[in-house]
Amino acid sequence: MSFDDWERAGRRLAELVDSSAWSLGDWLVFGKEHYSDRYQHAVRAVGLSYQTLRNYAWVAGRFDLTRRRAALTFQHHAEVASLPPDVQEYLLMQAETNSWTTRQLRSAIRGEKDSGNEVSADSRISVPQDRVGTWRQAADVVGQDFEQWLVTNLDRAAERTLRTGQALRVVS
């Protein structure tokens, strides 16, 4: 097999994987809506981890067919799935227009300077003042900018939740 053939085969395989993620996600959404009592059985039948399939279904459920961008991967859509639809659309448009990798899209979401774009998160979150004070102190202790400390710790919590399917437990 020539290098060009090998490379072309890799691209086609990647397209199949991407298409499979969407297809399995759509299949699971349909199954959950129509056969809720058999959903767990279907998950076991596929042979992939429950968490993987749950993620496929969650992303597919956040993007109906009209909102999916063929030029972008399933993972691009997964990166923005938790955001409000108008922010999703804006970021996906930017990713498509600028041919962003998922890493560049993630950078834009986090507002990192190297992406060339910054995205403002929803600033309407209300928290008690004493918590904000404690968070600022924690950021100071580790020598981080307050906003960067918040983003870093929220990212860690989100990654853990997505990886394990469990939220961090609050101990009082």
C-alpha atoms as a PDB file:
ATOM      1  CA  MET A   1       0.000   0.000   0.000  1.00  0.00           C
ATOM      2  CA  SER A   2       1.396   3.380  -0.936  1.00  0.00           C
ATOM      3  CA  PHE A   3       1.624   6.200   1.596  1.00  0.00           C
ATOM      4  CA  ASP A   4      -1.137   8.122  -0.215  1.00  0.00           C
ATOM      5  CA  ASP A   5      -3.437   5.086  -0.108  1.00  0.00           C
ATOM      6  CA  TRP A   6      -2.631   4.516   3.556  1.00  0.00           C
ATOM      7  CA  GLU A   7      -3.313   8.168   4.379  1.00  0.00           C
ATOM      8  CA  ARG A   8      -6.580   8.157   2.404  1.00  0.00           C
ATOM      9  CA  ALA A   9      -7.698   5.001   4.244  1.00  0.00           C
ATOM     10  CA  GLY A  10      -7.017   6.694   7.582  1.00  0.00           C
ATOM     11  CA  ARG A  11      -9.158   9.679   6.620  1.00  0.00           C
ATOM     12  CA  ARG A  12     -12.009   7.380   5.565  1.00  0.00           C
ATOM     13  CA  LEU A  13     -11.765   5.418   8.801  1.00  0.00           C
ATOM     14  CA  ALA A  14     -11.917   8.662  10.786  1.00  0.00           C
ATOM     15  CA  GLU A  15     -15.057   9.640   8.849  1.00  0.00           C
ATOM     16  CA  LEU A  16     -16.598   6.265   9.722  1.00  0.00           C
ATOM     17  CA  VAL A  17     -15.806   6.707  13.407  1.00  0.00           C
ATOM     18  CA  ASP A  18     -17.332  10.187  13.389  1.00  0.00           C
ATOM     19  CA  SER A  19     -20.419   8.968  11.562  1.00  0.00           C
ATOM     20  CA  SER A  20     -20.728   6.047  13.977  1.00  0.00           C
ATOM     21  CA  ALA A  21     -20.733   8.367  16.991  1.00  0.00           C
ATOM     22  CA  TRP A  22     -23.625  10.363  15.522  1.00  0.00           C
ATOM     23  CA  SER A  23     -25.470   7.204  14.445  1.00  0.00           C
ATOM     24  CA  LEU A  24     -25.129   5.500  17.809  1.00  0.00           C
ATOM     25  CA  GLY A  25     -26.133   8.708  19.586  1.00  0.00           C
ATOM     26  CA  ASP A  26     -29.243   9.086  17.439  1.00  0.00           C
ATOM     27  CA  TRP A  27     -30.073   5.387  17.872  1.00  0.00           C
ATOM     28  CA  LEU A  28     -29.815   5.691  21.647  1.00  0.00           C
ATOM     29  CA  VAL A  29     -31.923   8.880  21.753  1.00  0.00           C
ATOM     30  CA  PHE A  30     -34.606   7.109  19.738  1.00  0.00           C
ATOM     31  CA  GLY A  31     -34.387   4.025  21.951  1.00  0.00           C
ATOM     32  CA  LYS A  32     -34.631   6.019  25.141  1.00  0.00           C
ATOM     33  CA  GLU A  33     -37.714   7.862  23.848  1.00  0.00           C
ATOM     34  CA  HIS A  34     -39.481   4.765  22.518  1.00  0.00           C
ATOM     35  CA  TYR A  35     -38.185   1.855  24.606  1.00  0.00           C
ATOM     36  CA  SER A  36     -37.196   3.329  27.932  1.00  0.00           C
ATOM     37  CA  ASP A  37     -37.548  -0.023  29.645  1.00  0.00           C
ATOM     38  CA  ARG A  38     -35.080  -1.586  27.185  1.00  0.00           C
ATOM     39  CA  TYR A  39     -32.517   1.231  26.962  1.00  0.00           C
ATOM     40  CA  GLN A  40     -30.023  -0.388  29.374  1.00  0.00           C
ATOM     41  CA  HIS A  41     -30.289  -3.663  27.452  1.00  0.00           C
ATOM     42  CA  ALA A  42     -29.490  -1.828  24.210  1.00  0.00           C
ATOM     43  CA  VAL A  43     -26.469  -0.181  25.809  1.00  0.00           C
ATOM     44  CA  ARG A  44     -25.140  -3.579  26.911  1.00  0.00           C
ATOM     45  CA  ALA A  45     -25.784  -5.051  23.460  1.00  0.00           C
ATOM     46  CA  VAL A  46     -23.536  -2.529  21.704  1.00  0.00           C
ATOM     47  CA  GLY A  47     -20.416  -3.536  23.620  1.00  0.00           C
ATOM     48  CA  LEU A  48     -19.138  -0.035  24.325  1.00  0.00           C
ATOM     49  CA  SER A  49     -18.940   1.514  27.768  1.00  0.00           C
ATOM     50  CA  TYR A  50     -22.106   2.999  29.212  1.00  0.00           C
ATOM     51  CA  GLN A  51     -20.353   6.361  29.635  1.00  0.00           C
ATOM     52  CA  THR A  52     -19.214   6.484  26.006  1.00  0.00           C
ATOM     53  CA  LEU A  53     -22.692   5.709  24.736  1.00  0.00           C
ATOM     54  CA  ARG A  54     -24.277   8.119  27.175  1.00  0.00           C
ATOM     55  CA  ASN A  55     -21.981  10.859  25.851  1.00  0.00           C
ATOM     56  CA  TYR A  56     -22.911   9.993  22.245  1.00  0.00           C
ATOM     57  CA  ALA A  57     -26.612  10.178  23.091  1.00  0.00           C
ATOM     58  CA  TRP A  58     -26.200  13.419  25.024  1.00  0.00           C
ATOM     59  CA  VAL A  59     -24.388  15.187  22.174  1.00  0.00           C
ATOM     60  CA  ALA A  60     -26.779  13.828  19.542  1.00  0.00           C
ATOM     61  CA  GLY A  61     -29.693  15.041  21.655  1.00  0.00           C
ATOM     62  CA  ARG A  62     -28.247  18.562  21.795  1.00  0.00           C
ATOM     63  CA  PHE A  63     -27.901  18.846  17.984  1.00  0.00           C
ATOM     64  CA  ASP A  64     -30.741  17.945  15.689  1.00  0.00           C
ATOM     65  CA  LEU A  65     -29.785  17.156  12.099  1.00  0.00           C
ATOM     66  CA  THR A  66     -30.294  20.724  10.889  1.00  0.00           C
ATOM     67  CA  ARG A  67     -27.715  22.075  13.367  1.00  0.00           C
ATOM     68  CA  ARG A  68     -24.938  19.579  12.658  1.00  0.00           C
ATOM     69  CA  ARG A  69     -22.069  20.851  10.582  1.00  0.00           C
ATOM     70  CA  ALA A  70     -20.759  18.244   8.174  1.00  0.00           C
ATOM     71  CA  ALA A  71     -17.380  19.979   7.906  1.00  0.00           C
ATOM     72  CA  LEU A  72     -16.816  19.521  11.653  1.00  0.00           C
ATOM     73  CA  THR A  73     -16.384  16.344  13.670  1.00  0.00           C
ATOM     74  CA  PHE A  74     -18.632  14.880  16.306  1.00  0.00           C
ATOM     75  CA  GLN A  75     -15.968  15.930  18.822  1.00  0.00           C
ATOM     76  CA  HIS A  76     -16.254  19.577  17.733  1.00  0.00           C
ATOM     77  CA  HIS A  77     -19.958  19.390  18.539  1.00  0.00           C
ATOM     78  CA  ALA A  78     -19.252  17.600  21.827  1.00  0.00           C
ATOM     79  CA  GLU A  79     -16.926  20.418  22.886  1.00  0.00           C
ATOM     80  CA  VAL A  80     -19.726  22.999  22.695  1.00  0.00           C
ATOM     81  CA  ALA A  81     -22.704  20.793  23.596  1.00  0.00           C
ATOM     82  CA  SER A  82     -22.997  22.107  27.162  1.00  0.00           C
ATOM     83  CA  LEU A  83     -23.166  25.743  26.017  1.00  0.00           C
ATOM     84  CA  PRO A  84     -26.327  27.702  25.139  1.00  0.00           C
ATOM     85  CA  PRO A  85     -27.450  27.131  21.516  1.00  0.00           C
ATOM     86  CA  ASP A  86     -26.527  30.652  20.362  1.00  0.00           C
ATOM     87  CA  VAL A  87     -22.986  30.239  21.716  1.00  0.00           C
ATOM     88  CA  GLN A  88     -22.777  26.766  20.157  1.00  0.00           C
ATOM     89  CA  GLU A  89     -23.724  28.202  16.777  1.00  0.00           C
ATOM     90  CA  TYR A  90     -21.230  31.042  17.023  1.00  0.00           C
ATOM     91  CA  LEU A  91     -18.350  28.776  18.014  1.00  0.00           C
ATOM     92  CA  LEU A  92     -19.159  26.109  15.442  1.00  0.00           C
ATOM     93  CA  MET A  93     -19.346  28.790  12.748  1.00  0.00           C
ATOM     94  CA  GLN A  94     -15.937  30.103  13.854  1.00  0.00           C
ATOM     95  CA  ALA A  95     -14.498  26.577  13.930  1.00  0.00           C
ATOM     96  CA  GLU A  96     -15.811  25.858  10.449  1.00  0.00           C
ATOM     97  CA  THR A  97     -14.768  29.205   8.947  1.00  0.00           C
ATOM     98  CA  ASN A  98     -11.285  29.066  10.475  1.00  0.00           C
ATOM     99  CA  SER A  99     -10.764  25.286  10.118  1.00  0.00           C
ATOM    100  CA  TRP A 100     -10.160  24.951  13.860  1.00  0.00           C
ATOM    101  CA  THR A 101      -9.073  21.676  15.364  1.00  0.00           C
ATOM    102  CA  THR A 102     -10.956  20.547  18.450  1.00  0.00           C
ATOM    103  CA  ARG A 103      -8.031  21.794  20.492  1.00  0.00           C
ATOM    104  CA  GLN A 104      -8.335  25.270  18.997  1.00  0.00           C
ATOM    105  CA  LEU A 105     -12.072  25.207  19.635  1.00  0.00           C
ATOM    106  CA  ARG A 106     -11.430  24.207  23.257  1.00  0.00           C
ATOM    107  CA  SER A 107      -9.023  27.132  23.550  1.00  0.00           C
ATOM    108  CA  ALA A 108     -11.673  29.506  22.254  1.00  0.00           C
ATOM    109  CA  ILE A 109     -14.138  28.148  24.771  1.00  0.00           C
ATOM    110  CA  ARG A 110     -11.684  28.691  27.579  1.00  0.00           C
ATOM    111  CA  GLY A 111     -10.880  32.149  26.281  1.00  0.00           C
ATOM    112  CA  GLU A 112      -7.193  31.410  25.857  1.00  0.00           C
ATOM    113  CA  LYS A 113      -5.212  34.032  23.967  1.00  0.00           C
ATOM    114  CA  ASP A 114      -3.619  31.613  21.473  1.00  0.00           C
ATOM    115  CA  SER A 115      -6.958  30.907  19.787  1.00  0.00           C
ATOM    116  CA  GLY A 116      -7.337  34.502  18.676  1.00  0.00           C
ATOM    117  CA  ASN A 117     -10.908  34.585  20.004  1.00  0.00           C
ATOM    118  CA  GLU A 118     -12.360  34.916  23.451  1.00  0.00           C
ATOM    119  CA  VAL A 119     -15.724  33.639  24.576  1.00  0.00           C
ATOM    120  CA  SER A 120     -17.428  35.109  27.588  1.00  0.00           C
ATOM    121  CA  ALA A 121     -19.176  32.583  29.800  1.00  0.00           C
ATOM    122  CA  ASP A 122     -22.599  33.337  31.216  1.00  0.00           C
ATOM    123  CA  SER A 123     -21.892  35.888  33.960  1.00  0.00           C
ATOM    124  CA  ARG A 124     -25.367  35.677  35.500  1.00  0.00           C
ATOM    125  CA  ILE A 125     -24.400  33.049  38.054  1.00  0.00           C
ATOM    126  CA  SER A 126     -25.318  34.165  41.569  1.00  0.00           C
ATOM    127  CA  VAL A 127     -23.162  32.931  44.440  1.00  0.00           C
ATOM    128  CA  PRO A 128     -22.886  34.056  48.047  1.00  0.00           C
ATOM    129  CA  GLN A 129     -20.215  36.734  48.604  1.00  0.00           C
ATOM    130  CA  ASP A 130     -18.396  34.652  51.223  1.00  0.00           C
ATOM    131  CA  ARG A 131     -17.782  31.919  48.629  1.00  0.00           C
ATOM    132  CA  VAL A 132     -16.312  34.404  46.178  1.00  0.00           C
ATOM    133  CA  GLY A 133     -14.022  35.666  48.929  1.00  0.00           C
ATOM    134  CA  THR A 134     -12.882  32.135  49.721  1.00  0.00           C
ATOM    135  CA  TRP A 135     -12.270  31.402  46.034  1.00  0.00           C
ATOM    136  CA  ARG A 136     -10.228  34.593  45.666  1.00  0.00           C
ATOM    137  CA  GLN A 137      -8.118  33.596  48.675  1.00  0.00           C
ATOM    138  CA  ALA A 138      -7.519  30.149  47.192  1.00  0.00           C
ATOM    139  CA  ALA A 139      -6.425  31.700  43.885  1.00  0.00           C
ATOM    140  CA  ASP A 140      -4.051  34.004  45.789  1.00  0.00           C
ATOM    141  CA  VAL A 141      -2.563  31.085  47.727  1.00  0.00           C
ATOM    142  CA  VAL A 142      -1.587  29.324  44.502  1.00  0.00           C
ATOM    143  CA  GLY A 143      -0.573  32.584  42.806  1.00  0.00           C
ATOM    144  CA  GLN A 144      -3.160  32.395  40.027  1.00  0.00           C
ATOM    145  CA  ASP A 145      -5.368  35.044  38.516  1.00  0.00           C
ATOM    146  CA  PHE A 146      -8.865  34.643  39.995  1.00  0.00           C
ATOM    147  CA  GLU A 147     -10.646  34.008  36.678  1.00  0.00           C
ATOM    148  CA  GLN A 148      -7.987  31.547  35.560  1.00  0.00           C
ATOM    149  CA  TRP A 149      -8.274  29.716  38.900  1.00  0.00           C
ATOM    150  CA  LEU A 150     -12.061  29.459  38.441  1.00  0.00           C
ATOM    151  CA  VAL A 151     -11.780  28.159  34.877  1.00  0.00           C
ATOM    152  CA  THR A 152      -9.057  25.665  35.782  1.00  0.00           C
ATOM    153  CA  ASN A 153     -11.029  24.246  38.692  1.00  0.00           C
ATOM    154  CA  LEU A 154     -14.319  24.156  36.793  1.00  0.00           C
ATOM    155  CA  ASP A 155     -12.560  22.371  33.914  1.00  0.00           C
ATOM    156  CA  ARG A 156     -11.129  19.801  36.330  1.00  0.00           C
ATOM    157  CA  ALA A 157     -14.546  19.211  37.888  1.00  0.00           C
ATOM    158  CA  ALA A 158     -16.189  18.894  34.458  1.00  0.00           C
ATOM    159  CA  GLU A 159     -13.515  16.515  33.147  1.00  0.00           C
ATOM    160  CA  ARG A 160     -13.857  14.319  36.246  1.00  0.00           C
ATOM    161  CA  THR A 161     -17.632  14.291  35.929  1.00  0.00           C
ATOM    162  CA  LEU A 162     -17.482  13.397  32.224  1.00  0.00           C
ATOM    163  CA  ARG A 163     -14.830  10.749  32.829  1.00  0.00           C
ATOM    164  CA  THR A 164     -16.506   9.063  35.799  1.00  0.00           C
ATOM    165  CA  GLY A 165     -20.125  10.073  35.383  1.00  0.00           C
ATOM    166  CA  GLN A 166     -20.096  11.349  38.946  1.00  0.00           C
ATOM    167  CA  ALA A 167     -20.144  14.871  40.274  1.00  0.00           C
ATOM    168  CA  LEU A 168     -17.769  15.933  43.012  1.00  0.00           C
ATOM    169  CA  ARG A 169     -19.301  15.204  46.383  1.00  0.00           C
ATOM    170  CA  VAL A 170     -19.685  18.148  48.744  1.00  0.00           C
ATOM    171  CA  VAL A 171     -18.832  17.272  52.319  1.00  0.00           C
ATOM    172  CA  SER A 172     -20.343  19.466  55.001  1.00  0.00           C
END
